[in-house]
Amino acid sequence: MNTIVGLFENRAMARRAKGALIRAHIASPNIVLYDRSAADSSRESEQSLWESLKDSVGFAEDRSFYEEGMRRGGTVMSVCINDEQMEQATEILSREGAIEQAIPVAEEEHRGGQREVGRGTVRVYKRAA
């Protein structure tokens, strides 16, 4: 099982992306939105995101990117997905406006083999064994 994570400028964009994923037959319970407008406090929402991804390979290095995006009013989406649906889901999130994380080329090369697979504007994380 993989987790795809994307950052959207606002909740409306993330909700449109969620709708597109559902239309592509990705189960709604596998799609979670995290932002500061959630009914619970922003701290609880963020803790839930960090807790759900804590065992994912490579996520720790990207956490500050998502924290800053949420602080600025963005919405983070995580999607639990199987290998067969991964390409389609990453394409949908990219098409719907997921924000690309700028990573210096040298740093990306350094983290290369053990790190998550970058797919355009979203990240794919694998659970650590």
N, C-alpha and C. Protein backbone atom coordinates (compact mmCIF):
# COMPACT_ATOMS: atom_id res chain seq x y z
N MET A 1 0.84 -1.18 0.00
CA MET A 1 0.00 0.00 0.00
C MET A 1 0.89 1.25 0.00
N ASN A 2 0.52 2.23 -0.77
CA ASN A 2 1.24 3.48 -0.88
C ASN A 2 0.38 4.61 -0.33
N THR A 3 1.03 5.68 0.07
CA THR A 3 0.33 6.89 0.46
C THR A 3 0.82 8.01 -0.44
N ILE A 4 -0.10 8.63 -1.16
CA ILE A 4 0.22 9.77 -2.00
C ILE A 4 -0.15 11.01 -1.20
N VAL A 5 0.72 11.99 -1.17
CA VAL A 5 0.46 13.23 -0.43
C VAL A 5 0.62 14.41 -1.38
N GLY A 6 -0.38 15.29 -1.37
CA GLY A 6 -0.33 16.49 -2.18
C GLY A 6 -0.78 17.69 -1.37
N LEU A 7 -0.22 18.83 -1.66
CA LEU A 7 -0.59 20.09 -1.01
C LEU A 7 -1.34 20.95 -2.02
N PHE A 8 -2.50 21.45 -1.62
CA PHE A 8 -3.31 22.31 -2.47
C PHE A 8 -3.40 23.69 -1.86
N GLU A 9 -3.54 24.68 -2.71
CA GLU A 9 -3.58 26.08 -2.28
C GLU A 9 -4.71 26.35 -1.30
N ASN A 10 -5.85 25.66 -1.49
CA ASN A 10 -6.99 25.88 -0.61
C ASN A 10 -7.87 24.62 -0.56
N ARG A 11 -8.83 24.64 0.34
CA ARG A 11 -9.70 23.48 0.54
C ARG A 11 -10.56 23.21 -0.69
N ALA A 12 -11.03 24.24 -1.38
CA ALA A 12 -11.89 24.04 -2.55
C ALA A 12 -11.15 23.25 -3.63
N MET A 13 -9.88 23.57 -3.86
CA MET A 13 -9.09 22.83 -4.85
C MET A 13 -8.91 21.38 -4.42
N ALA A 14 -8.66 21.17 -3.14
CA ALA A 14 -8.48 19.81 -2.63
C ALA A 14 -9.77 19.01 -2.75
N ARG A 15 -10.91 19.65 -2.50
CA ARG A 15 -12.20 18.96 -2.62
C ARG A 15 -12.49 18.59 -4.08
N ARG A 16 -12.12 19.45 -5.02
CA ARG A 16 -12.27 19.10 -6.44
C ARG A 16 -11.41 17.88 -6.79
N ALA A 17 -10.19 17.87 -6.29
CA ALA A 17 -9.30 16.72 -6.53
C ALA A 17 -9.87 15.45 -5.91
N LYS A 18 -10.43 15.58 -4.72
CA LYS A 18 -11.04 14.42 -4.07
C LYS A 18 -12.20 13.89 -4.91
N GLY A 19 -13.02 14.77 -5.43
CA GLY A 19 -14.12 14.35 -6.29
C GLY A 19 -13.62 13.62 -7.53
N ALA A 20 -12.55 14.12 -8.12
CA ALA A 20 -11.98 13.46 -9.31
C ALA A 20 -11.45 12.07 -8.96
N LEU A 21 -10.84 11.93 -7.79
CA LEU A 21 -10.36 10.62 -7.35
C LEU A 21 -11.52 9.65 -7.14
N ILE A 22 -12.59 10.13 -6.54
CA ILE A 22 -13.76 9.28 -6.31
C ILE A 22 -14.37 8.84 -7.64
N ARG A 23 -14.45 9.77 -8.59
CA ARG A 23 -14.97 9.41 -9.93
C ARG A 23 -14.07 8.39 -10.62
N ALA A 24 -12.81 8.33 -10.23
CA ALA A 24 -11.87 7.35 -10.79
C ALA A 24 -11.90 6.04 -9.99
N HIS A 25 -12.90 5.90 -9.14
CA HIS A 25 -13.13 4.68 -8.35
C HIS A 25 -12.10 4.44 -7.26
N ILE A 26 -11.61 5.51 -6.68
CA ILE A 26 -10.76 5.42 -5.49
C ILE A 26 -11.67 5.69 -4.30
N ALA A 27 -11.70 4.77 -3.37
CA ALA A 27 -12.64 4.81 -2.26
C ALA A 27 -12.48 6.07 -1.40
N SER A 28 -13.58 6.73 -1.14
CA SER A 28 -13.59 7.96 -0.35
C SER A 28 -12.91 7.82 1.02
N PRO A 29 -13.11 6.70 1.75
CA PRO A 29 -12.44 6.58 3.05
C PRO A 29 -10.91 6.57 2.96
N ASN A 30 -10.36 6.33 1.77
CA ASN A 30 -8.92 6.31 1.59
C ASN A 30 -8.34 7.69 1.29
N ILE A 31 -9.22 8.71 1.23
CA ILE A 31 -8.81 10.07 0.89
C ILE A 31 -9.09 10.97 2.09
N VAL A 32 -8.05 11.58 2.64
CA VAL A 32 -8.21 12.42 3.83
C VAL A 32 -7.63 13.80 3.57
N LEU A 33 -8.39 14.84 3.95
CA LEU A 33 -7.95 16.22 3.82
C LEU A 33 -7.56 16.75 5.20
N TYR A 34 -6.47 17.49 5.25
CA TYR A 34 -5.99 18.10 6.49
C TYR A 34 -5.77 19.58 6.24
N ASP A 35 -6.39 20.42 7.05
CA ASP A 35 -6.13 21.86 6.96
C ASP A 35 -6.60 22.54 8.23
N ARG A 36 -6.46 23.84 8.27
CA ARG A 36 -6.81 24.61 9.46
C ARG A 36 -8.29 24.94 9.55
N SER A 37 -9.07 24.59 8.54
CA SER A 37 -10.51 24.88 8.60
C SER A 37 -11.31 23.68 9.08
N ALA A 38 -10.64 22.62 9.45
CA ALA A 38 -11.33 21.41 9.91
C ALA A 38 -12.13 21.71 11.18
N ALA A 39 -13.15 20.92 11.40
CA ALA A 39 -14.01 21.13 12.57
C ALA A 39 -13.22 21.00 13.87
N ASP A 40 -12.26 20.09 13.90
CA ASP A 40 -11.42 19.99 15.09
C ASP A 40 -10.34 21.07 15.01
N SER A 41 -9.58 21.19 16.07
CA SER A 41 -8.55 22.24 16.07
C SER A 41 -7.48 21.92 15.03
N SER A 42 -6.81 22.95 14.57
CA SER A 42 -5.76 22.74 13.56
C SER A 42 -4.65 21.86 14.12
N ARG A 43 -4.36 22.00 15.38
CA ARG A 43 -3.31 21.17 15.99
C ARG A 43 -3.68 19.69 15.93
N GLU A 44 -4.94 19.35 16.22
CA GLU A 44 -5.38 17.95 16.16
C GLU A 44 -5.32 17.43 14.73
N SER A 45 -5.73 18.26 13.77
CA SER A 45 -5.70 17.86 12.37
C SER A 45 -4.27 17.60 11.92
N GLU A 46 -3.34 18.48 12.25
CA GLU A 46 -1.95 18.30 11.88
C GLU A 46 -1.36 17.08 12.55
N GLN A 47 -1.65 16.88 13.83
CA GLN A 47 -1.13 15.71 14.54
C GLN A 47 -1.63 14.42 13.89
N SER A 48 -2.87 14.43 13.45
CA SER A 48 -3.43 13.26 12.77
C SER A 48 -2.66 12.96 11.49
N LEU A 49 -2.33 13.99 10.73
CA LEU A 49 -1.55 13.81 9.50
C LEU A 49 -0.18 13.25 9.82
N TRP A 50 0.52 13.86 10.77
CA TRP A 50 1.88 13.42 11.11
C TRP A 50 1.86 11.99 11.64
N GLU A 51 0.88 11.68 12.47
CA GLU A 51 0.77 10.33 13.03
C GLU A 51 0.54 9.29 11.93
N SER A 52 -0.32 9.63 10.96
CA SER A 52 -0.63 8.67 9.91
C SER A 52 0.55 8.40 8.99
N LEU A 53 1.49 9.34 8.90
CA LEU A 53 2.62 9.19 7.98
C LEU A 53 3.97 8.95 8.67
N LYS A 54 3.96 8.82 9.99
CA LYS A 54 5.23 8.74 10.73
C LYS A 54 6.11 7.57 10.32
N ASP A 55 5.53 6.47 9.87
CA ASP A 55 6.31 5.30 9.49
C ASP A 55 6.61 5.24 8.00
N SER A 56 6.27 6.28 7.28
CA SER A 56 6.48 6.29 5.84
C SER A 56 7.90 6.72 5.51
N VAL A 57 8.54 5.98 4.64
CA VAL A 57 9.91 6.27 4.24
C VAL A 57 9.98 7.61 3.53
N GLY A 58 10.83 8.51 4.01
CA GLY A 58 11.06 9.79 3.36
C GLY A 58 10.17 10.93 3.80
N PHE A 59 9.12 10.67 4.55
CA PHE A 59 8.19 11.75 4.90
C PHE A 59 8.81 12.77 5.84
N ALA A 60 9.65 12.35 6.75
CA ALA A 60 10.22 13.27 7.74
C ALA A 60 10.92 14.45 7.07
N GLU A 61 11.59 14.19 5.93
CA GLU A 61 12.31 15.26 5.24
C GLU A 61 11.36 16.28 4.62
N ASP A 62 10.13 15.88 4.32
CA ASP A 62 9.17 16.75 3.65
C ASP A 62 8.17 17.41 4.60
N ARG A 63 8.18 17.01 5.84
CA ARG A 63 7.17 17.49 6.78
C ARG A 63 7.08 19.01 6.85
N SER A 64 8.21 19.70 6.88
CA SER A 64 8.18 21.16 7.01
C SER A 64 7.49 21.82 5.81
N PHE A 65 7.61 21.23 4.63
CA PHE A 65 6.93 21.74 3.44
C PHE A 65 5.41 21.72 3.65
N TYR A 66 4.89 20.60 4.15
CA TYR A 66 3.45 20.49 4.38
C TYR A 66 2.99 21.36 5.55
N GLU A 67 3.80 21.45 6.60
CA GLU A 67 3.47 22.31 7.73
C GLU A 67 3.33 23.77 7.28
N GLU A 68 4.30 24.22 6.50
CA GLU A 68 4.28 25.60 6.03
C GLU A 68 3.09 25.83 5.10
N GLY A 69 2.80 24.88 4.25
CA GLY A 69 1.64 25.00 3.36
C GLY A 69 0.34 25.12 4.13
N MET A 70 0.18 24.34 5.18
CA MET A 70 -1.02 24.43 6.01
C MET A 70 -1.06 25.75 6.76
N ARG A 71 0.09 26.20 7.25
CA ARG A 71 0.14 27.46 7.97
C ARG A 71 -0.33 28.61 7.08
N ARG A 72 -0.03 28.52 5.80
CA ARG A 72 -0.42 29.57 4.84
C ARG A 72 -1.83 29.39 4.31
N GLY A 73 -2.56 28.43 4.84
CA GLY A 73 -3.95 28.26 4.43
C GLY A 73 -4.19 27.15 3.44
N GLY A 74 -3.17 26.37 3.13
CA GLY A 74 -3.31 25.27 2.19
C GLY A 74 -3.96 24.06 2.82
N THR A 75 -4.30 23.10 1.97
CA THR A 75 -4.89 21.84 2.41
C THR A 75 -4.02 20.70 1.92
N VAL A 76 -3.68 19.79 2.83
CA VAL A 76 -2.90 18.62 2.49
C VAL A 76 -3.86 17.45 2.31
N MET A 77 -3.64 16.68 1.25
CA MET A 77 -4.45 15.50 0.99
C MET A 77 -3.55 14.28 1.05
N SER A 78 -4.01 13.25 1.75
CA SER A 78 -3.30 11.97 1.70
C SER A 78 -4.27 10.94 1.13
N VAL A 79 -3.73 10.08 0.29
CA VAL A 79 -4.54 9.06 -0.39
C VAL A 79 -3.82 7.72 -0.22
N CYS A 80 -4.48 6.77 0.44
CA CYS A 80 -3.94 5.42 0.53
C CYS A 80 -4.38 4.68 -0.72
N ILE A 81 -3.40 4.10 -1.42
CA ILE A 81 -3.69 3.57 -2.74
C ILE A 81 -2.82 2.36 -3.04
N ASN A 82 -3.36 1.46 -3.87
CA ASN A 82 -2.58 0.30 -4.28
C ASN A 82 -1.73 0.66 -5.50
N ASP A 83 -0.81 -0.21 -5.83
CA ASP A 83 0.11 0.04 -6.95
C ASP A 83 -0.61 0.24 -8.28
N GLU A 84 -1.71 -0.49 -8.50
CA GLU A 84 -2.42 -0.41 -9.78
C GLU A 84 -3.06 0.96 -10.02
N GLN A 85 -3.47 1.64 -8.97
CA GLN A 85 -4.14 2.94 -9.11
C GLN A 85 -3.20 4.13 -8.92
N MET A 86 -1.95 3.87 -8.59
CA MET A 86 -1.03 4.94 -8.23
C MET A 86 -0.82 5.94 -9.37
N GLU A 87 -0.55 5.47 -10.56
CA GLU A 87 -0.26 6.38 -11.68
C GLU A 87 -1.47 7.28 -11.96
N GLN A 88 -2.66 6.70 -11.97
CA GLN A 88 -3.87 7.47 -12.24
C GLN A 88 -4.11 8.51 -11.15
N ALA A 89 -3.93 8.13 -9.90
CA ALA A 89 -4.16 9.06 -8.78
C ALA A 89 -3.15 10.20 -8.79
N THR A 90 -1.89 9.91 -9.05
CA THR A 90 -0.90 10.98 -9.07
C THR A 90 -1.18 11.94 -10.22
N GLU A 91 -1.62 11.42 -11.34
CA GLU A 91 -1.98 12.27 -12.48
C GLU A 91 -3.15 13.19 -12.13
N ILE A 92 -4.15 12.65 -11.46
CA ILE A 92 -5.32 13.44 -11.07
C ILE A 92 -4.92 14.56 -10.12
N LEU A 93 -4.14 14.25 -9.09
CA LEU A 93 -3.74 15.29 -8.13
C LEU A 93 -2.92 16.37 -8.80
N SER A 94 -2.02 15.98 -9.68
CA SER A 94 -1.22 16.97 -10.41
C SER A 94 -2.10 17.84 -11.29
N ARG A 95 -3.00 17.22 -12.02
CA ARG A 95 -3.89 17.96 -12.92
C ARG A 95 -4.81 18.92 -12.15
N GLU A 96 -5.19 18.53 -10.94
CA GLU A 96 -6.11 19.35 -10.15
C GLU A 96 -5.41 20.45 -9.35
N GLY A 97 -4.08 20.57 -9.49
CA GLY A 97 -3.41 21.72 -8.92
C GLY A 97 -2.57 21.50 -7.69
N ALA A 98 -2.13 20.28 -7.42
CA ALA A 98 -1.24 20.07 -6.28
C ALA A 98 0.02 20.92 -6.47
N ILE A 99 0.47 21.52 -5.39
CA ILE A 99 1.63 22.42 -5.42
C ILE A 99 2.90 21.60 -5.43
N GLU A 100 3.82 21.97 -6.29
CA GLU A 100 5.09 21.25 -6.38
C GLU A 100 6.06 21.75 -5.34
N GLN A 101 6.74 20.82 -4.71
CA GLN A 101 7.76 21.15 -3.72
C GLN A 101 9.08 21.35 -4.44
N ALA A 102 9.71 22.47 -4.21
CA ALA A 102 11.01 22.74 -4.82
C ALA A 102 12.09 22.05 -4.00
N ILE A 103 12.81 21.14 -4.62
CA ILE A 103 13.90 20.43 -3.95
C ILE A 103 15.15 20.63 -4.80
N PRO A 104 16.23 21.13 -4.19
CA PRO A 104 17.47 21.29 -4.97
C PRO A 104 17.90 19.97 -5.59
N VAL A 105 18.39 20.02 -6.82
CA VAL A 105 18.77 18.81 -7.56
C VAL A 105 19.78 17.98 -6.79
N ALA A 106 20.79 18.59 -6.22
CA ALA A 106 21.82 17.85 -5.48
C ALA A 106 21.21 17.10 -4.30
N GLU A 107 20.28 17.72 -3.62
CA GLU A 107 19.63 17.08 -2.48
C GLU A 107 18.80 15.89 -2.95
N GLU A 108 18.07 16.05 -4.04
CA GLU A 108 17.25 14.97 -4.58
C GLU A 108 18.12 13.79 -4.99
N GLU A 109 19.26 14.06 -5.62
CA GLU A 109 20.16 12.99 -6.02
C GLU A 109 20.71 12.27 -4.80
N HIS A 110 20.99 13.01 -3.75
CA HIS A 110 21.53 12.43 -2.53
C HIS A 110 20.53 11.46 -1.89
N ARG A 111 19.26 11.83 -1.90
CA ARG A 111 18.24 11.01 -1.24
C ARG A 111 17.68 9.94 -2.17
N GLY A 112 17.97 10.02 -3.45
CA GLY A 112 17.44 9.19 -4.51
C GLY A 112 16.89 7.82 -4.18
N GLY A 113 17.73 6.79 -4.06
CA GLY A 113 17.29 5.41 -4.00
C GLY A 113 16.39 5.03 -2.85
N GLN A 114 16.64 5.54 -1.67
CA GLN A 114 15.87 5.13 -0.50
C GLN A 114 14.62 5.97 -0.30
N ARG A 115 14.49 7.01 -1.05
CA ARG A 115 13.45 8.00 -0.84
C ARG A 115 12.19 7.67 -1.60
N GLU A 116 11.11 8.35 -1.27
CA GLU A 116 9.84 8.17 -1.97
C GLU A 116 10.00 8.51 -3.45
N VAL A 117 9.07 8.06 -4.23
CA VAL A 117 9.10 8.33 -5.66
C VAL A 117 8.35 9.62 -5.93
N GLY A 118 9.01 10.59 -6.50
CA GLY A 118 8.34 11.84 -6.86
C GLY A 118 7.57 11.65 -8.15
N ARG A 119 6.34 12.06 -8.20
CA ARG A 119 5.51 11.95 -9.39
C ARG A 119 4.94 13.32 -9.69
N GLY A 120 5.69 14.15 -10.38
CA GLY A 120 5.18 15.47 -10.72
C GLY A 120 5.03 16.34 -9.50
N THR A 121 3.81 16.63 -9.12
CA THR A 121 3.56 17.56 -8.03
C THR A 121 3.10 16.89 -6.75
N VAL A 122 3.17 15.58 -6.68
CA VAL A 122 2.79 14.87 -5.46
C VAL A 122 3.92 13.94 -5.07
N ARG A 123 3.88 13.45 -3.85
CA ARG A 123 4.89 12.51 -3.36
C ARG A 123 4.19 11.19 -3.05
N VAL A 124 4.91 10.11 -3.30
CA VAL A 124 4.41 8.78 -2.97
C VAL A 124 5.33 8.24 -1.88
N TYR A 125 4.74 7.80 -0.76
CA TYR A 125 5.50 7.26 0.36
C TYR A 125 5.13 5.81 0.55
N LYS A 126 6.12 5.01 0.86
CA LYS A 126 5.90 3.61 1.19
C LYS A 126 6.09 3.45 2.68
N ARG A 127 5.29 2.59 3.26
CA ARG A 127 5.42 2.30 4.69
C ARG A 127 6.71 1.57 4.97
N ALA A 128 7.38 1.95 6.04
CA ALA A 128 8.60 1.25 6.44
C ALA A 128 8.22 -0.13 6.97
N ALA A 129 9.05 -1.08 6.71
CA ALA A 129 8.75 -2.46 7.14
C ALA A 129 8.97 -2.66 8.61
